[in-house]
C-alpha atoms as a PDB file:
ATOM      1  CA  ASN A   1      -0.195   0.127  -0.367  1.00  0.00           C
ATOM      2  CA  SER A   2       2.895   2.365   0.968  1.00  0.00           C
ATOM      3  CA  VAL A   3       4.330   1.155  -2.336  1.00  0.00           C
ATOM      4  CA  ARG A   4       1.479   2.109  -4.893  1.00  0.00           C
ATOM      5  CA  THR A   5       1.366   5.485  -2.110  1.00  0.00           C
ATOM      6  CA  ILE A   6       4.597   6.776  -3.385  1.00  0.00           C
ATOM      7  CA  LYS A   7       3.948   5.611  -6.603  1.00  0.00           C
ATOM      8  CA  THR A   8       1.386   7.742  -6.760  1.00  0.00           C
ATOM      9  CA  MET A   9       2.932  10.374  -5.747  1.00  0.00           C
ATOM     10  CA  ALA A  10       5.732  10.447  -8.143  1.00  0.00           C
ATOM     11  CA  GLU A  11       3.015  10.529 -11.395  1.00  0.00           C
ATOM     12  CA  ALA A  12       1.240  13.890 -12.714  1.00  0.00           C
ATOM     13  CA  PHE A  13      -0.772  15.610 -14.755  1.00  0.00           C
ATOM     14  CA  VAL A  14       0.722  19.461 -16.115  1.00  0.00           C
ATOM     15  CA  THR A  15      -1.227  21.732 -17.235  1.00  0.00           C
ATOM     16  CA  LEU A  16       0.648  25.192 -17.878  1.00  0.00           C
ATOM     17  CA  ALA A  17      -1.394  29.086 -17.841  1.00  0.00           C
ATOM     18  CA  THR A  18       0.219  32.034 -19.096  1.00  0.00           C
ATOM     19  CA  ASN A  19      -2.353  34.835 -18.083  1.00  0.00           C
ATOM     20  CA  ASP A  20      -5.177  34.702 -16.287  1.00  0.00           C
ATOM     21  CA  SER A  21      -7.569  34.000 -18.586  1.00  0.00           C
ATOM     22  CA  TYR A  22      -5.997  30.444 -18.768  1.00  0.00           C
ATOM     23  CA  ALA A  23      -5.779  30.481 -15.519  1.00  0.00           C
ATOM     24  CA  LEU A  24      -9.216  29.924 -15.421  1.00  0.00           C
ATOM     25  CA  GLY A  25      -9.373  27.177 -17.494  1.00  0.00           C
ATOM     26  CA  ALA A  26      -6.898  25.539 -15.499  1.00  0.00           C
ATOM     27  CA  ILE A  27      -9.076  25.928 -12.471  1.00  0.00           C
ATOM     28  CA  VAL A  28     -11.733  24.769 -14.394  1.00  0.00           C
ATOM     29  CA  TRP A  29      -9.059  21.440 -16.088  1.00  0.00           C
ATOM     30  CA  ALA A  30      -8.213  20.346 -12.368  1.00  0.00           C
ATOM     31  CA  ASN A  31     -11.825  20.481 -10.444  1.00  0.00           C
ATOM     32  CA  SER A  32     -12.672  17.859 -13.625  1.00  0.00           C
ATOM     33  CA  LEU A  33      -9.516  15.727 -12.515  1.00  0.00           C
ATOM     34  CA  ARG A  34     -10.744  15.830  -9.153  1.00  0.00           C
ATOM     35  CA  ASN A  35     -14.158  15.298 -10.153  1.00  0.00           C
ATOM     36  CA  VAL A  36     -13.044  12.017 -11.084  1.00  0.00           C
ATOM     37  CA  ASN A  37     -11.218  10.959  -8.621  1.00  0.00           C
ATOM     38  CA  THR A  38      -8.071  11.053 -10.073  1.00  0.00           C
ATOM     39  CA  THR A  39      -5.173   9.427  -7.692  1.00  0.00           C
ATOM     40  CA  LYS A  40      -2.428  11.721  -9.250  1.00  0.00           C
ATOM     41  CA  GLN A  41      -0.694  14.688  -8.779  1.00  0.00           C
ATOM     42  CA  ILE A  42      -2.087  17.775 -10.463  1.00  0.00           C
ATOM     43  CA  CYS A  43       0.530  20.138 -10.965  1.00  0.00           C
ATOM     44  CA  VAL A  44      -0.362  23.426 -13.225  1.00  0.00           C
ATOM     45  CA  MET A  45       3.044  25.696 -14.449  1.00  0.00           C
ATOM     46  CA  ILE A  46       2.353  29.530 -14.477  1.00  0.00           C
ATOM     47  CA  THR A  47       3.945  32.457 -15.419  1.00  0.00           C
ATOM     48  CA  ASP A  48       4.495  35.760 -14.099  1.00  0.00           C
ATOM     49  CA  GLY A  49       1.574  36.727 -16.624  1.00  0.00           C
ATOM     50  CA  VAL A  50      -1.344  35.373 -14.103  1.00  0.00           C
ATOM     51  CA  SER A  51      -2.484  37.616 -11.691  1.00  0.00           C
ATOM     52  CA  LEU A  52      -1.828  36.960  -7.547  1.00  0.00           C
ATOM     53  CA  GLN A  53      -5.377  36.564  -6.889  1.00  0.00           C
ATOM     54  CA  PHE A  54      -5.274  33.522  -9.552  1.00  0.00           C
ATOM     55  CA  ARG A  55      -2.442  31.820  -8.144  1.00  0.00           C
ATOM     56  CA  GLN A  56      -4.094  31.745  -5.397  1.00  0.00           C
ATOM     57  CA  ALA A  57      -6.897  30.158  -6.775  1.00  0.00           C
ATOM     58  CA  LEU A  58      -4.978  28.082  -8.205  1.00  0.00           C
ATOM     59  CA  ALA A  59      -2.909  26.459  -5.233  1.00  0.00           C
ATOM     60  CA  ARG A  60      -6.338  25.207  -3.689  1.00  0.00           C
ATOM     61  CA  VAL A  61      -6.927  23.016  -6.187  1.00  0.00           C
ATOM     62  CA  ALA A  62      -3.398  21.851  -7.089  1.00  0.00           C
ATOM     63  CA  ASP A  63      -1.330  19.758  -5.635  1.00  0.00           C
ATOM     64  CA  HIS A  64       1.884  22.024  -7.079  1.00  0.00           C
ATOM     65  CA  VAL A  65       2.034  25.430  -8.696  1.00  0.00           C
ATOM     66  CA  GLU A  66       5.240  25.742 -10.531  1.00  0.00           C
ATOM     67  CA  MET A  67       6.468  29.249 -11.651  1.00  0.00           C
ATOM     68  CA  VAL A  68       8.451  29.307 -15.612  1.00  0.00           C
ATOM     69  CA  GLN A  69       9.520  31.548 -18.066  1.00  0.00           C
ATOM     70  CA  PRO A  70       8.830  32.394 -21.170  1.00  0.00           C
ATOM     71  CA  LEU A  71       9.888  30.685 -24.347  1.00  0.00           C
ATOM     72  CA  ASP A  72       9.264  31.500 -27.534  1.00  0.00           C
ATOM     73  CA  SER A  73       9.526  30.557 -31.116  1.00  0.00           C
ATOM     74  CA  SER A  74      10.566  33.408 -32.070  1.00  0.00           C
ATOM     75  CA  ASP A  75       9.028  32.430 -35.402  1.00  0.00           C
ATOM     76  CA  PRO A  76       6.189  34.343 -36.368  1.00  0.00           C
ATOM     77  CA  ALA A  77       6.108  33.760 -39.964  1.00  0.00           C
ATOM     78  CA  ASN A  78       4.846  29.750 -39.464  1.00  0.00           C
ATOM     79  CA  LEU A  79       2.800  31.182 -36.524  1.00  0.00           C
ATOM     80  CA  ALA A  80       0.630  33.908 -39.098  1.00  0.00           C
ATOM     81  CA  LEU A  81       0.317  31.030 -41.665  1.00  0.00           C
ATOM     82  CA  LEU A  82      -1.807  29.505 -38.624  1.00  0.00           C
ATOM     83  CA  GLY A  83      -3.579  32.977 -37.778  1.00  0.00           C
ATOM     84  CA  ARG A  84      -2.591  32.834 -34.270  1.00  0.00           C
ATOM     85  CA  PRO A  85      -0.114  35.165 -34.039  1.00  0.00           C
ATOM     86  CA  ASN A  86      -0.413  34.970 -30.352  1.00  0.00           C
ATOM     87  CA  LEU A  87       0.400  31.285 -29.946  1.00  0.00           C
ATOM     88  CA  GLY A  88       4.394  32.011 -30.123  1.00  0.00           C
ATOM     89  CA  CYS A  89       4.827  31.420 -26.641  1.00  0.00           C
ATOM     90  CA  THR A  90       2.771  27.936 -26.366  1.00  0.00           C
ATOM     91  CA  PHE A  91       6.794  26.744 -26.979  1.00  0.00           C
ATOM     92  CA  THR A  92       6.540  27.496 -22.728  1.00  0.00           C
ATOM     93  CA  LYS A  93       5.437  24.219 -22.125  1.00  0.00           C
ATOM     94  CA  LEU A  94       8.476  22.383 -22.931  1.00  0.00           C
ATOM     95  CA  HIS A  95       9.373  23.297 -19.206  1.00  0.00           C
ATOM     96  CA  CYS A  96       7.146  20.632 -18.208  1.00  0.00           C
ATOM     97  CA  TRP A  97      10.695  18.121 -19.144  1.00  0.00           C
ATOM     98  CA  ARG A  98      11.528  19.972 -16.002  1.00  0.00           C
ATOM     99  CA  LEU A  99       9.016  18.642 -13.425  1.00  0.00           C
ATOM    100  CA  ILE A 100      11.850  16.062 -12.317  1.00  0.00           C
ATOM    101  CA  ARG A 101       9.539  16.247  -8.980  1.00  0.00           C
ATOM    102  CA  TYR A 102       7.584  13.251 -11.319  1.00  0.00           C
ATOM    103  CA  THR A 103       9.160   9.734 -13.128  1.00  0.00           C
ATOM    104  CA  LYS A 104       6.190  10.983 -15.653  1.00  0.00           C
ATOM    105  CA  ALA A 105       3.644  12.650 -16.415  1.00  0.00           C
ATOM    106  CA  VAL A 106       0.340  13.446 -19.007  1.00  0.00           C
ATOM    107  CA  PHE A 107       0.641  16.857 -20.263  1.00  0.00           C
ATOM    108  CA  MET A 108      -3.181  18.067 -20.605  1.00  0.00           C
ATOM    109  CA  ASP A 109      -3.366  21.871 -22.297  1.00  0.00           C
ATOM    110  CA  SER A 110      -5.672  23.973 -19.856  1.00  0.00           C
ATOM    111  CA  ASP A 111      -8.606  23.717 -22.048  1.00  0.00           C
ATOM    112  CA  THR A 112      -8.875  19.873 -22.379  1.00  0.00           C
ATOM    113  CA  LEU A 113     -11.725  19.200 -19.903  1.00  0.00           C
ATOM    114  CA  VAL A 114     -11.492  15.574 -18.049  1.00  0.00           C
ATOM    115  CA  MET A 115     -14.823  13.703 -18.956  1.00  0.00           C
ATOM    116  CA  ALA A 116     -14.110  10.529 -17.464  1.00  0.00           C
ATOM    117  CA  ASN A 117     -10.944   8.961 -15.365  1.00  0.00           C
ATOM    118  CA  ILE A 118      -7.761   8.492 -17.757  1.00  0.00           C
ATOM    119  CA  ASP A 119      -4.823   8.012 -15.036  1.00  0.00           C
ATOM    120  CA  ASP A 120      -4.798   4.839 -17.017  1.00  0.00           C
ATOM    121  CA  LEU A 121      -2.281   7.213 -19.038  1.00  0.00           C
ATOM    122  CA  LEU A 122       0.217   6.717 -17.206  1.00  0.00           C
ATOM    123  CA  GLU A 123       0.876   2.906 -17.844  1.00  0.00           C
ATOM    124  CA  ARG A 124       2.127   4.282 -21.410  1.00  0.00           C
ATOM    125  CA  GLU A 125       5.406   5.281 -22.560  1.00  0.00           C
ATOM    126  CA  GLU A 126       7.357   8.550 -23.731  1.00  0.00           C
ATOM    127  CA  LEU A 127       5.963   9.840 -25.911  1.00  0.00           C
ATOM    128  CA  SER A 128       2.238   8.917 -26.419  1.00  0.00           C
ATOM    129  CA  ALA A 129      -0.603  10.727 -27.767  1.00  0.00           C
ATOM    130  CA  ALA A 130      -3.055  11.079 -30.210  1.00  0.00           C
ATOM    131  CA  PRO A 131      -3.399  11.872 -33.627  1.00  0.00           C
ATOM    132  CA  ASP A 132      -4.468  15.249 -34.849  1.00  0.00           C
ATOM    133  CA  PRO A 133      -7.358  15.245 -36.546  1.00  0.00           C
ATOM    134  CA  GLY A 134      -6.093  18.151 -39.006  1.00  0.00           C
ATOM    135  CA  TRP A 135      -3.533  15.840 -40.432  1.00  0.00           C
ATOM    136  CA  PRO A 136      -2.970  12.274 -38.173  1.00  0.00           C
ATOM    137  CA  ASP A 137       0.210  11.181 -39.518  1.00  0.00           C
ATOM    138  CA  CYS A 138       1.208  14.038 -36.723  1.00  0.00           C
ATOM    139  CA  PHE A 139      -0.181  14.130 -32.767  1.00  0.00           C
ATOM    140  CA  ASN A 140      -2.074  16.834 -30.870  1.00  0.00           C
ATOM    141  CA  SER A 141       0.608  18.132 -28.569  1.00  0.00           C
ATOM    142  CA  GLY A 142      -2.679  19.188 -26.454  1.00  0.00           C
ATOM    143  CA  VAL A 143      -2.555  16.091 -24.662  1.00  0.00           C
ATOM    144  CA  PHE A 144       0.243  13.653 -24.149  1.00  0.00           C
ATOM    145  CA  VAL A 145       2.975  10.914 -22.308  1.00  0.00           C
ATOM    146  CA  TYR A 146       6.205  12.076 -21.114  1.00  0.00           C
ATOM    147  CA  ARG A 147       8.732  11.412 -18.744  1.00  0.00           C
ATOM    148  CA  PRO A 148      10.333  14.832 -17.295  1.00  0.00           C
ATOM    149  CA  SER A 149      14.168  14.862 -17.729  1.00  0.00           C
ATOM    150  CA  GLU A 150      16.630  17.656 -17.716  1.00  0.00           C
ATOM    151  CA  ASP A 151      18.420  16.119 -20.414  1.00  0.00           C
ATOM    152  CA  THR A 152      15.492  16.033 -22.455  1.00  0.00           C
ATOM    153  CA  TYR A 153      14.427  19.386 -22.245  1.00  0.00           C
ATOM    154  CA  ARG A 154      18.030  20.667 -22.759  1.00  0.00           C
ATOM    155  CA  ARG A 155      18.026  18.467 -26.319  1.00  0.00           C
ATOM    156  CA  LEU A 156      15.006  20.001 -27.269  1.00  0.00           C
ATOM    157  CA  LEU A 157      16.060  23.538 -27.280  1.00  0.00           C
ATOM    158  CA  ASP A 158      18.860  23.112 -28.685  1.00  0.00           C
ATOM    159  CA  PHE A 159      16.602  21.246 -31.306  1.00  0.00           C
ATOM    160  CA  ALA A 160      13.995  24.571 -30.885  1.00  0.00           C
ATOM    161  CA  ARG A 161      17.477  26.218 -32.037  1.00  0.00           C
ATOM    162  CA  SER A 162      18.532  24.342 -35.296  1.00  0.00           C
ATOM    163  CA  CYS A 163      15.411  23.872 -36.587  1.00  0.00           C
ATOM    164  CA  THR A 164      11.760  25.320 -37.366  1.00  0.00           C
ATOM    165  CA  SER A 165       8.983  23.888 -35.985  1.00  0.00           C
ATOM    166  CA  PHE A 166       6.714  23.500 -38.718  1.00  0.00           C
ATOM    167  CA  ASP A 167       3.861  25.681 -37.626  1.00  0.00           C
ATOM    168  CA  GLY A 168       6.116  27.690 -34.966  1.00  0.00           C
ATOM    169  CA  ALA A 169       4.759  26.630 -32.270  1.00  0.00           C
ATOM    170  CA  ASP A 170       5.065  23.192 -29.674  1.00  0.00           C
ATOM    171  CA  GLN A 171       2.722  21.278 -31.970  1.00  0.00           C
ATOM    172  CA  GLY A 172       5.371  21.535 -34.781  1.00  0.00           C
ATOM    173  CA  LEU A 173       8.684  21.199 -32.715  1.00  0.00           C
ATOM    174  CA  LEU A 174       7.166  17.661 -30.585  1.00  0.00           C
ATOM    175  CA  ASN A 175       6.374  16.262 -33.941  1.00  0.00           C
ATOM    176  CA  MET A 176       9.542  17.056 -35.230  1.00  0.00           C
ATOM    177  CA  PHE A 177      11.739  15.923 -32.661  1.00  0.00           C
ATOM    178  CA  PHE A 178       9.642  12.862 -31.447  1.00  0.00           C
ATOM    179  CA  ASN A 179       9.917  12.327 -35.730  1.00  0.00           C
ATOM    180  CA  ASP A 180       8.669   8.346 -35.394  1.00  0.00           C
ATOM    181  CA  TRP A 181       5.535   8.687 -33.632  1.00  0.00           C
ATOM    182  CA  ALA A 182       3.427   8.009 -36.715  1.00  0.00           C
ATOM    183  CA  THR A 183       5.322   4.369 -37.581  1.00  0.00           C
ATOM    184  CA  LYS A 184       7.617   4.079 -34.364  1.00  0.00           C
ATOM    185  CA  ASP A 185       4.820   2.379 -31.834  1.00  0.00           C
ATOM    186  CA  ILE A 186       1.206   1.913 -32.036  1.00  0.00           C
ATOM    187  CA  THR A 187       1.092   1.778 -29.048  1.00  0.00           C
ATOM    188  CA  LYS A 188       2.324   5.692 -28.140  1.00  0.00           C
ATOM    189  CA  HIS A 189      -1.033   6.137 -30.342  1.00  0.00           C
ATOM    190  CA  LEU A 190      -3.234   6.616 -28.025  1.00  0.00           C
ATOM    191  CA  PRO A 191      -7.193   7.034 -28.822  1.00  0.00           C
ATOM    192  CA  PHE A 192      -8.556   9.806 -30.109  1.00  0.00           C
ATOM    193  CA  THR A 193     -10.979   9.326 -27.247  1.00  0.00           C
ATOM    194  CA  TYR A 194      -8.914  11.170 -25.101  1.00  0.00           C
ATOM    195  CA  ASN A 195      -7.948  14.227 -27.141  1.00  0.00           C
ATOM    196  CA  CYS A 196     -11.192  14.587 -28.621  1.00  0.00           C
ATOM    197  CA  VAL A 197     -10.980  17.974 -30.592  1.00  0.00           C
ATOM    198  CA  SER A 198     -14.510  19.712 -30.275  1.00  0.00           C
ATOM    199  CA  GLN A 199     -14.559  20.429 -33.949  1.00  0.00           C
ATOM    200  CA  ALA A 200     -14.290  16.841 -35.306  1.00  0.00           C
ATOM    201  CA  PHE A 201     -17.407  15.601 -34.215  1.00  0.00           C
ATOM    202  CA  TYR A 202     -19.463  18.271 -36.905  1.00  0.00           C
ATOM    203  CA  SER A 203     -16.713  16.045 -39.455  1.00  0.00           C
ATOM    204  CA  TYR A 204     -17.559  12.646 -38.426  1.00  0.00           C
ATOM    205  CA  LEU A 205     -21.378  12.523 -36.638  1.00  0.00           C
ATOM    206  CA  PRO A 206     -21.430   9.517 -37.236  1.00  0.00           C
ATOM    207  CA  ALA A 207     -18.409   8.236 -35.269  1.00  0.00           C
ATOM    208  CA  PHE A 208     -18.780  11.055 -32.963  1.00  0.00           C
ATOM    209  CA  ARG A 209     -22.493   9.413 -31.807  1.00  0.00           C
ATOM    210  CA  HIS A 210     -21.442   5.882 -32.004  1.00  0.00           C
ATOM    211  CA  PHE A 211     -18.332   6.278 -29.603  1.00  0.00           C
ATOM    212  CA  ARG A 212     -19.555   9.314 -27.308  1.00  0.00           C
ATOM    213  CA  ARG A 213     -19.886   7.887 -24.379  1.00  0.00           C
ATOM    214  CA  ASP A 214     -16.326   6.546 -24.676  1.00  0.00           C
ATOM    215  CA  ILE A 215     -14.467  10.297 -24.934  1.00  0.00           C
ATOM    216  CA  LYS A 216     -12.479  10.984 -22.262  1.00  0.00           C
ATOM    217  CA  VAL A 217     -11.303  14.119 -22.514  1.00  0.00           C
ATOM    218  CA  ALA A 218     -13.176  16.644 -25.072  1.00  0.00           C
ATOM    219  CA  HIS A 219     -10.203  19.407 -26.447  1.00  0.00           C
ATOM    220  CA  PHE A 220     -12.034  22.988 -26.777  1.00  0.00           C
ATOM    221  CA  ILE A 221      -9.066  23.653 -29.582  1.00  0.00           C
ATOM    222  CA  GLY A 222      -9.093  27.089 -31.822  1.00  0.00           C
ATOM    223  CA  GLU A 223      -9.224  31.293 -31.048  1.00  0.00           C
ATOM    224  CA  VAL A 224     -12.421  30.784 -29.265  1.00  0.00           C
ATOM    225  CA  LYS A 225     -12.740  29.198 -25.433  1.00  0.00           C
ATOM    226  CA  PRO A 226     -14.934  27.675 -23.467  1.00  0.00           C
ATOM    227  CA  TRP A 227     -14.755  30.485 -21.084  1.00  0.00           C
ATOM    228  CA  HIS A 228     -15.599  33.044 -23.988  1.00  0.00           C
ATOM    229  CA  HIS A 229     -19.279  32.142 -24.142  1.00  0.00           C
ATOM    230  CA  SER A 230     -21.712  33.421 -21.582  1.00  0.00           C
ATOM    231  CA  TYR A 231     -24.160  30.767 -19.273  1.00  0.00           C
ATOM    232  CA  ASN A 232     -27.594  31.907 -18.555  1.00  0.00           C
ATOM    233  CA  SER A 233     -28.212  30.830 -14.716  1.00  0.00           C
ATOM    234  CA  ALA A 234     -31.681  30.953 -14.643  1.00  0.00           C
ATOM    235  CA  THR A 235     -32.269  28.334 -17.203  1.00  0.00           C
ATOM    236  CA  GLY A 236     -28.811  27.299 -16.544  1.00  0.00           C
ATOM    237  CA  GLN A 237     -27.764  26.141 -19.570  1.00  0.00           C
ATOM    238  CA  VAL A 238     -25.011  28.089 -21.712  1.00  0.00           C
ATOM    239  CA  GLU A 239     -25.487  29.608 -24.539  1.00  0.00           C
ATOM    240  CA  PRO A 240     -22.893  28.840 -27.109  1.00  0.00           C
ATOM    241  CA  ARG A 241     -21.546  31.605 -29.713  1.00  0.00           C
ATOM    242  CA  GLU A 242     -21.742  31.205 -33.083  1.00  0.00           C
ATOM    243  CA  GLY A 243     -19.576  29.471 -35.027  1.00  0.00           C
ATOM    244  CA  THR A 244     -17.237  27.980 -32.997  1.00  0.00           C
ATOM    245  CA  GLY A 245     -17.934  24.442 -33.342  1.00  0.00           C
ATOM    246  CA  HIS A 246     -17.437  24.013 -29.821  1.00  0.00           C
ATOM    247  CA  GLN A 247     -20.674  20.720 -28.809  1.00  0.00           C
ATOM    248  CA  SER A 248     -22.583  21.981 -26.693  1.00  0.00           C
ATOM    249  CA  GLU A 249     -22.582  19.109 -24.022  1.00  0.00           C
ATOM    250  CA  PHE A 250     -19.160  19.367 -23.535  1.00  0.00           C
ATOM    251  CA  LEU A 251     -19.753  23.281 -23.254  1.00  0.00           C
ATOM    252  CA  GLN A 252     -22.473  22.614 -20.702  1.00  0.00           C
ATOM    253  CA  HIS A 253     -20.211  20.529 -18.422  1.00  0.00           C
ATOM    254  CA  TRP A 254     -17.517  22.860 -18.190  1.00  0.00           C
ATOM    255  CA  TRP A 255     -19.980  25.758 -17.058  1.00  0.00           C
ATOM    256  CA  ASP A 256     -20.773  23.162 -14.601  1.00  0.00           C
ATOM    257  CA  ILE A 257     -18.221  23.018 -13.424  1.00  0.00           C
ATOM    258  CA  TYR A 258     -17.622  26.443 -13.535  1.00  0.00           C
ATOM    259  CA  VAL A 259     -20.883  27.365 -11.637  1.00  0.00           C
ATOM    260  CA  THR A 260     -20.862  25.056  -8.805  1.00  0.00           C
ATOM    261  CA  GLN A 261     -17.193  24.674  -7.991  1.00  0.00           C
ATOM    262  CA  VAL A 262     -15.033  27.614  -9.474  1.00  0.00           C
ATOM    263  CA  HIS A 263     -17.340  31.275  -9.426  1.00  0.00           C
ATOM    264  CA  ALA A 264     -17.639  31.041  -5.761  1.00  0.00           C
ATOM    265  CA  MET A 265     -12.975  31.071  -5.536  1.00  0.00           C
ATOM    266  CA  LEU A 266     -12.916  33.665  -7.961  1.00  0.00           C
ATOM    267  CA  PRO A 267     -11.400  36.947  -7.077  1.00  0.00           C
ATOM    268  CA  ALA A 268     -13.828  39.921  -7.952  1.00  0.00           C
ATOM    269  CA  GLY A 269     -14.503  41.483 -10.696  1.00  0.00           C
ATOM    270  CA  ALA A 270     -13.395  38.442 -12.947  1.00  0.00           C
ATOM    271  CA  VAL A 271     -17.544  37.634 -13.347  1.00  0.00           C
ATOM    272  CA  SER A 272     -19.800  40.186 -15.182  1.00  0.00           C
ATOM    273  CA  SER A 273     -23.682  39.527 -14.865  1.00  0.00           C
ATOM    274  CA  GLN A 274     -25.882  40.841 -17.194  1.00  0.00           C
ATOM    275  CA  GLY A 275     -29.304  40.140 -15.864  1.00  0.00           C
ATOM    276  CA  GLU A 276     -29.438  36.895 -14.888  1.00  0.00           C
ATOM    277  CA  ARG A 277     -26.568  36.021 -17.609  1.00  0.00           C
ATOM    278  CA  ILE A 278     -22.899  35.356 -16.634  1.00  0.00           C
ATOM    279  CA  ALA A 279     -20.237  36.570 -18.632  1.00  0.00           C
ATOM    280  CA  LEU A 280     -15.877  35.876 -17.913  1.00  0.00           C
ATOM    281  CA  SER A 281     -14.194  39.441 -17.913  1.00  0.00           C
ATOM    282  CA  GLN A 282     -11.176  38.434 -20.811  1.00  0.00           C
ATOM    283  CA  GLN A 283      -8.173  38.919 -21.500  1.00  0.00           C
ATOM    284  CA  GLY A 284      -7.218  38.715 -24.801  1.00  0.00           C
ATOM    285  CA  GLY A 285      -5.114  36.085 -26.965  1.00  0.00           C
ATOM    286  CA  GLY A 286      -3.297  33.532 -25.334  1.00  0.00           C
ATOM    287  CA  GLY A 287      -2.197  29.338 -27.543  1.00  0.00           C
ATOM    288  CA  ASP A 288      -4.341  26.165 -26.799  1.00  0.00           C
ATOM    289  CA  GLY A 289      -2.506  25.597 -22.886  1.00  0.00           C
ATOM    290  CA  GLY A 290      -1.450  29.191 -21.841  1.00  0.00           C
ATOM    291  CA  GLY A 291      -1.232  32.733 -24.375  1.00  0.00           C
ATOM    292  CA  GLY A 292       0.389  36.071 -23.849  1.00  0.00           C
ATOM    293  CA  GLY A 293       0.813  37.978 -20.433  1.00  0.00           C
ATOM    294  CA  GLY A 294      -1.911  41.305 -19.952  1.00  0.00           C
ATOM    295  CA  GLY A 295      -3.764  42.792 -17.540  1.00  0.00           C
ATOM    296  CA  ALA A 296      -7.069  41.110 -15.777  1.00  0.00           C
ATOM    297  CA  ALA A 297      -9.450  42.301 -18.485  1.00  0.00           C
ATOM    298  CA  GLY A 298      -8.784  43.048 -21.564  1.00  0.00           C
ATOM    299  CA  GLY A 299     -11.369  46.212 -21.675  1.00  0.00           C
ATOM    300  CA  ALA A 300      -9.268  48.229 -18.988  1.00  0.00           C
ATOM    301  CA  ALA A 301      -6.733  48.660 -21.220  1.00  0.00           C
ATOM    302  CA  GLY A 302      -6.560  52.754 -22.787  1.00  0.00           C
ATOM    303  CA  GLY A 303      -7.038  52.999 -26.375  1.00  0.00           C
ATOM    304  CA  GLY A 304      -3.755  53.041 -28.022  1.00  0.00           C
ATOM    305  CA  ASN A 305      -3.438  49.767 -25.809  1.00  0.00           C
ATOM    306  CA  ARG A 306      -6.529  48.194 -26.938  1.00  0.00           C
ATOM    307  CA  ARG A 307      -4.950  48.835 -30.808  1.00  0.00           C
ATOM    308  CA  GLU A 308      -1.894  47.214 -30.252  1.00  0.00           C
ATOM    309  CA  ALA A 309      -3.827  44.290 -28.266  1.00  0.00           C
ATOM    310  CA  TRP A 310      -6.063  43.876 -31.466  1.00  0.00           C
ATOM    311  CA  GLU A 311      -3.955  44.431 -34.164  1.00  0.00           C
ATOM    312  CA  ARG A 312      -1.678  40.995 -32.157  1.00  0.00           C
ATOM    313  CA  GLY A 313      -5.273  39.570 -32.349  1.00  0.00           C
ATOM    314  CA  GLU A 314      -5.998  39.844 -28.543  1.00  0.00           C
ATOM    315  CA  ILE A 315      -9.278  40.444 -28.946  1.00  0.00           C
ATOM    316  CA  ASP A 316     -12.387  41.226 -25.712  1.00  0.00           C
ATOM    317  CA  TYR A 317     -15.122  40.108 -27.138  1.00  0.00           C
ATOM    318  CA  LEU A 318     -17.003  40.154 -23.493  1.00  0.00           C
ATOM    319  CA  GLY A 319     -15.500  43.569 -22.906  1.00  0.00           C
ATOM    320  CA  SER A 320     -14.403  46.845 -24.942  1.00  0.00           C
ATOM    321  CA  ASP A 321     -14.190  44.835 -28.454  1.00  0.00           C
ATOM    322  CA  ARG A 322     -17.919  43.197 -28.343  1.00  0.00           C
ATOM    323  CA  PHE A 323     -19.835  44.109 -31.092  1.00  0.00           C
ATOM    324  CA  ASP A 324     -22.387  46.777 -29.889  1.00  0.00           C
ATOM    325  CA  ASN A 325     -19.477  48.369 -28.678  1.00  0.00           C
ATOM    326  CA  VAL A 326     -17.456  48.438 -32.343  1.00  0.00           C
ATOM    327  CA  LEU A 327     -20.988  49.194 -34.188  1.00  0.00           C
ATOM    328  CA  SER A 328     -21.302  52.009 -31.486  1.00  0.00           C
ATOM    329  CA  ARG A 329     -18.099  53.346 -32.837  1.00  0.00           C
ATOM    330  CA  LEU A 330     -18.280  52.540 -36.267  1.00  0.00           C
ATOM    331  CA  ARG A 331     -21.669  54.318 -35.924  1.00  0.00           C
ATOM    332  CA  GLU A 332     -20.234  57.656 -34.621  1.00  0.00           C
ATOM    333  CA  ASN A 333     -16.827  57.414 -37.210  1.00  0.00           C
ATOM    334  CA  ILE A 334     -19.602  57.730 -39.913  1.00  0.00           C
ATOM    335  CA  GLN A 335     -21.374  60.167 -38.419  1.00  0.00           C
ATOM    336  CA  ASP A 336     -18.426  62.529 -38.086  1.00  0.00           C
END
């Protein structure tokens, strides 16, 4: 029994938050792991872009919070091809290899949601991951099993310096580094149900219906995250924004956790209420699993700062950049 306890303590689920928006995602993610009775440690890596209030909230749900320094891919050209210039600092997740307090770990982006116990992932070896639906010969780096190692970390950094990631982000780099994933060992191919990209539901609905009960992790990829939607407290239902491709059932599950387990621990000002609707204050930008820094709410920035943030792709959809504000500004300019 004591041996089992030691083993459990030496393995972990790890995520990254580089600003308050992704810290919020990490808090919901950690609660989703607790809800399925994980026996593993929960670790959140953060940068100084996460405010003190959110650090304190993370400390209440995680076993360990690790401060790390941002790493940048320094390759804006390839990131621009993805239409996501704000993904540059996703290389910061490479710090997960430095968590040598753990013998093995599973890295998960903070825009994932755990639907069922996934402790069995720790029985897999490095580098185990699920295929990316956009190019299945590549793995999606939103969920992967790895072994923390300073040597691997140094080799990854050396590789990043000598090679250009084909997408400018961590997924391209990791696929180039672990370049035999597609062909060498089928046991390192995780079932898609362990990293079910939400938009994939619509490309193959029959499979989604057939395998729905097997889905263990939902992954909300893309610019719009669960916290960009709003929630009607009168009906208890999430109100999805159109065109995001997010499956409403999993969005609802994310918001149910937020409302029942997270809302009360957040700092004042993180939530805005309009009648019966709840909307979360937004920071702009951030890549999958973490992103650029910034203040607590994008709408608080001055006009010049807002313009710069907009040009970086950091848009405050629920604050100063929401549609009615933009429309009002356009009308003012037309009248002028």
